[in-house]
Amino acid sequence: MNSHQIETVKTLLIAEQKRLEQELASFASPDQRMRHDWDAAYPKPTQLAGSLSHSSQEEQADIREEFETELAQEQSLELRLREVTQALERIAAGTFGACAACGRPIPAERLEANPAAAYDMEHQPKE
C-alpha cells in the first residue's frame, strides 16, 4: 500500500476506534488495570433488592438479563477495538499490511474489507 492509502485506512481506523469506545462507554468503563479491557457495570444491590413479589422478581430477572446482554456485547466490542488499536499500532510501526505470520503483503481486497486484518487468509487463525 502506498502512503496515501495507508493514511486513508488510518483515518477509517481512528473513526472506528472512537465509535467503538463511545459504544462501550455507553454501558461500560475502561479497566484501569488491563489494557484494552472494559467492564460492564453489574447492577447495584439496591437494583436487585426488593420484595419477593412476582413483579419484583421479574424486574430483577430483566436487570440480570440486560447485564448478560451487555456483557456479551462488551466482549464483542472489546475484541474489535483491540483489533483496530493493534492495526493502528502496526501503522505507527511501519508493519501495516504485512501478514503477522509470514510477513507477505495482505491482499488489498482483504484490507479493504477489514482494515484491521493482521493475517492473510492462509494464516488467519481459526476461531
C-alpha atoms as a PDB file:
ATOM      1  CA  MET A   1       0.000   0.000   0.000  1.00  0.00           C
ATOM      2  CA  ASN A   2       1.206   3.476  -0.727  1.00  0.00           C
ATOM      3  CA  SER A   3       1.329   6.225   1.909  1.00  0.00           C
ATOM      4  CA  HIS A   4      -1.919   7.830   0.712  1.00  0.00           C
ATOM      5  CA  GLN A   5      -3.788   4.519   1.037  1.00  0.00           C
ATOM      6  CA  ILE A   6      -2.313   3.946   4.492  1.00  0.00           C
ATOM      7  CA  GLU A   7      -3.398   7.432   5.620  1.00  0.00           C
ATOM      8  CA  THR A   8      -6.907   6.724   4.332  1.00  0.00           C
ATOM      9  CA  VAL A   9      -7.007   3.430   6.250  1.00  0.00           C
ATOM     10  CA  LYS A  10      -5.618   5.168   9.342  1.00  0.00           C
ATOM     11  CA  THR A  11      -8.413   7.743   9.204  1.00  0.00           C
ATOM     12  CA  LEU A  12     -11.013   4.969   8.910  1.00  0.00           C
ATOM     13  CA  LEU A  13      -9.471   3.023  11.792  1.00  0.00           C
ATOM     14  CA  ILE A  14      -9.344   6.079  14.064  1.00  0.00           C
ATOM     15  CA  ALA A  15     -13.016   6.787  13.338  1.00  0.00           C
ATOM     16  CA  GLU A  16     -13.922   3.170  14.084  1.00  0.00           C
ATOM     17  CA  GLN A  17     -11.841   3.235  17.278  1.00  0.00           C
ATOM     18  CA  LYS A  18     -13.726   6.308  18.513  1.00  0.00           C
ATOM     19  CA  ARG A  19     -17.090   4.780  17.611  1.00  0.00           C
ATOM     20  CA  LEU A  20     -16.267   1.560  19.459  1.00  0.00           C
ATOM     21  CA  GLU A  21     -15.054   3.447  22.525  1.00  0.00           C
ATOM     22  CA  GLN A  22     -18.230   5.549  22.565  1.00  0.00           C
ATOM     23  CA  GLU A  23     -20.405   2.474  22.239  1.00  0.00           C
ATOM     24  CA  LEU A  24     -18.537   0.730  25.053  1.00  0.00           C
ATOM     25  CA  ALA A  25     -18.678   3.852  27.240  1.00  0.00           C
ATOM     26  CA  SER A  26     -22.482   3.833  26.976  1.00  0.00           C
ATOM     27  CA  PHE A  27     -22.632   0.821  29.324  1.00  0.00           C
ATOM     28  CA  ALA A  28     -19.080   0.007  30.493  1.00  0.00           C
ATOM     29  CA  SER A  29     -15.970   1.702  31.784  1.00  0.00           C
ATOM     30  CA  PRO A  30     -12.298   1.110  30.948  1.00  0.00           C
ATOM     31  CA  ASP A  31     -10.477  -1.240  33.303  1.00  0.00           C
ATOM     32  CA  GLN A  32      -7.511   0.744  34.609  1.00  0.00           C
ATOM     33  CA  ARG A  33      -5.522  -2.425  35.347  1.00  0.00           C
ATOM     34  CA  MET A  34      -5.832  -4.157  31.982  1.00  0.00           C
ATOM     35  CA  ARG A  35      -5.120  -2.592  28.622  1.00  0.00           C
ATOM     36  CA  HIS A  36      -7.933  -2.957  26.073  1.00  0.00           C
ATOM     37  CA  ASP A  37     -10.352  -4.190  28.745  1.00  0.00           C
ATOM     38  CA  TRP A  38     -13.709  -2.679  29.636  1.00  0.00           C
ATOM     39  CA  ASP A  39     -16.105  -3.664  32.384  1.00  0.00           C
ATOM     40  CA  ALA A  40     -19.878  -3.550  32.139  1.00  0.00           C
ATOM     41  CA  ALA A  41     -21.375  -2.348  35.393  1.00  0.00           C
ATOM     42  CA  TYR A  42     -23.078  -5.109  37.319  1.00  0.00           C
ATOM     43  CA  PRO A  43     -26.427  -3.962  38.701  1.00  0.00           C
ATOM     44  CA  LYS A  44     -26.191  -2.352  42.113  1.00  0.00           C
ATOM     45  CA  PRO A  45     -27.515  -4.445  45.014  1.00  0.00           C
ATOM     46  CA  THR A  46     -30.244  -1.861  45.521  1.00  0.00           C
ATOM     47  CA  GLN A  47     -31.488  -2.589  41.986  1.00  0.00           C
ATOM     48  CA  LEU A  48     -31.632  -6.282  42.741  1.00  0.00           C
ATOM     49  CA  ALA A  49     -33.075  -5.948  46.219  1.00  0.00           C
ATOM     50  CA  GLY A  50     -36.775  -5.774  46.620  1.00  0.00           C
ATOM     51  CA  SER A  51     -39.782  -7.617  47.697  1.00  0.00           C
ATOM     52  CA  LEU A  52     -40.431 -11.203  46.836  1.00  0.00           C
ATOM     53  CA  SER A  53     -43.422 -10.246  44.742  1.00  0.00           C
ATOM     54  CA  HIS A  54     -43.744 -11.741  41.310  1.00  0.00           C
ATOM     55  CA  SER A  55     -43.306  -8.379  39.560  1.00  0.00           C
ATOM     56  CA  SER A  56     -40.186  -7.606  41.601  1.00  0.00           C
ATOM     57  CA  GLN A  57     -38.672 -10.942  40.688  1.00  0.00           C
ATOM     58  CA  GLU A  58     -39.441 -10.287  37.027  1.00  0.00           C
ATOM     59  CA  GLU A  59     -37.761  -6.881  37.245  1.00  0.00           C
ATOM     60  CA  GLN A  60     -34.682  -8.445  38.819  1.00  0.00           C
ATOM     61  CA  ALA A  61     -34.581 -11.091  36.094  1.00  0.00           C
ATOM     62  CA  ASP A  62     -34.843  -8.348  33.445  1.00  0.00           C
ATOM     63  CA  ILE A  63     -31.968  -6.422  35.061  1.00  0.00           C
ATOM     64  CA  ARG A  64     -29.787  -9.538  35.127  1.00  0.00           C
ATOM     65  CA  GLU A  65     -30.692 -10.397  31.533  1.00  0.00           C
ATOM     66  CA  GLU A  66     -29.793  -6.871  30.415  1.00  0.00           C
ATOM     67  CA  PHE A  67     -26.418  -7.189  32.166  1.00  0.00           C
ATOM     68  CA  GLU A  68     -25.723 -10.520  30.457  1.00  0.00           C
ATOM     69  CA  THR A  69     -26.563  -8.952  27.090  1.00  0.00           C
ATOM     70  CA  GLU A  70     -24.247  -6.030  27.806  1.00  0.00           C
ATOM     71  CA  LEU A  71     -21.503  -8.431  28.871  1.00  0.00           C
ATOM     72  CA  ALA A  72     -21.706 -10.321  25.574  1.00  0.00           C
ATOM     73  CA  GLN A  73     -21.756  -7.031  23.658  1.00  0.00           C
ATOM     74  CA  GLU A  74     -18.794  -5.782  25.712  1.00  0.00           C
ATOM     75  CA  GLN A  75     -16.711  -8.807  24.765  1.00  0.00           C
ATOM     76  CA  SER A  76     -17.501  -8.440  21.077  1.00  0.00           C
ATOM     77  CA  LEU A  77     -16.768  -4.700  21.048  1.00  0.00           C
ATOM     78  CA  GLU A  78     -13.560  -5.180  23.068  1.00  0.00           C
ATOM     79  CA  LEU A  79     -12.294  -7.719  20.555  1.00  0.00           C
ATOM     80  CA  ARG A  80     -12.928  -5.413  17.613  1.00  0.00           C
ATOM     81  CA  LEU A  81     -11.451  -2.427  19.475  1.00  0.00           C
ATOM     82  CA  ARG A  82      -8.326  -4.479  20.216  1.00  0.00           C
ATOM     83  CA  GLU A  83      -8.008  -5.410  16.525  1.00  0.00           C
ATOM     84  CA  VAL A  84      -8.422  -1.779  15.440  1.00  0.00           C
ATOM     85  CA  THR A  85      -5.945  -0.495  18.037  1.00  0.00           C
ATOM     86  CA  GLN A  86      -3.387  -3.109  17.025  1.00  0.00           C
ATOM     87  CA  ALA A  87      -3.821  -2.139  13.357  1.00  0.00           C
ATOM     88  CA  LEU A  88      -3.115   1.492  14.280  1.00  0.00           C
ATOM     89  CA  GLU A  89      -0.024   0.317  16.180  1.00  0.00           C
ATOM     90  CA  ARG A  90       1.128  -1.584  13.071  1.00  0.00           C
ATOM     91  CA  ILE A  91       0.695   1.588  11.013  1.00  0.00           C
ATOM     92  CA  ALA A  92       2.830   3.509  13.521  1.00  0.00           C
ATOM     93  CA  ALA A  93       5.461   0.752  13.481  1.00  0.00           C
ATOM     94  CA  GLY A  94       5.516   0.581   9.683  1.00  0.00           C
ATOM     95  CA  THR A  95       4.386  -3.044   9.569  1.00  0.00           C
ATOM     96  CA  PHE A  96       0.789  -2.463   8.478  1.00  0.00           C
ATOM     97  CA  GLY A  97      -0.341  -4.601   5.569  1.00  0.00           C
ATOM     98  CA  ALA A  98       2.090  -7.459   6.209  1.00  0.00           C
ATOM     99  CA  CYS A  99       0.801 -10.805   7.428  1.00  0.00           C
ATOM    100  CA  ALA A 100       1.760 -11.297  11.082  1.00  0.00           C
ATOM    101  CA  ALA A 101       2.508 -14.974  10.407  1.00  0.00           C
ATOM    102  CA  CYS A 102       4.505 -14.964   7.182  1.00  0.00           C
ATOM    103  CA  GLY A 103       5.335 -11.318   6.525  1.00  0.00           C
ATOM    104  CA  ARG A 104       3.941 -11.340   2.993  1.00  0.00           C
ATOM    105  CA  PRO A 105       1.634  -8.488   1.950  1.00  0.00           C
ATOM    106  CA  ILE A 106      -2.023  -8.918   2.857  1.00  0.00           C
ATOM    107  CA  PRO A 107      -4.086  -8.589  -0.337  1.00  0.00           C
ATOM    108  CA  ALA A 108      -5.576  -5.104  -0.811  1.00  0.00           C
ATOM    109  CA  GLU A 109      -9.069  -6.610  -1.172  1.00  0.00           C
ATOM    110  CA  ARG A 110      -8.787  -8.136   2.303  1.00  0.00           C
ATOM    111  CA  LEU A 111      -7.606  -4.869   3.831  1.00  0.00           C
ATOM    112  CA  GLU A 112     -10.444  -3.009   2.107  1.00  0.00           C
ATOM    113  CA  ALA A 113     -12.945  -5.458   3.598  1.00  0.00           C
ATOM    114  CA  ASN A 114     -11.277  -5.432   7.023  1.00  0.00           C
ATOM    115  CA  PRO A 115      -8.653  -2.712   7.521  1.00  0.00           C
ATOM    116  CA  ALA A 116      -7.709  -4.239  10.883  1.00  0.00           C
ATOM    117  CA  ALA A 117      -6.737  -7.598   9.355  1.00  0.00           C
ATOM    118  CA  ALA A 118      -3.399  -8.834  10.710  1.00  0.00           C
ATOM    119  CA  TYR A 119      -3.196 -12.024   8.633  1.00  0.00           C
ATOM    120  CA  ASP A 120      -3.682 -13.100   5.057  1.00  0.00           C
ATOM    121  CA  MET A 121      -6.437 -15.673   4.501  1.00  0.00           C
ATOM    122  CA  GLU A 122      -3.969 -18.573   4.566  1.00  0.00           C
ATOM    123  CA  HIS A 123      -2.758 -17.730   8.074  1.00  0.00           C
ATOM    124  CA  GLN A 124      -5.920 -16.300   9.634  1.00  0.00           C
ATOM    125  CA  PRO A 125      -6.370 -18.120  12.967  1.00  0.00           C
ATOM    126  CA  LYS A 126      -9.465 -20.279  13.150  1.00  0.00           C
ATOM    127  CA  GLU A 127     -11.995 -19.300  15.798  1.00  0.00           C
END
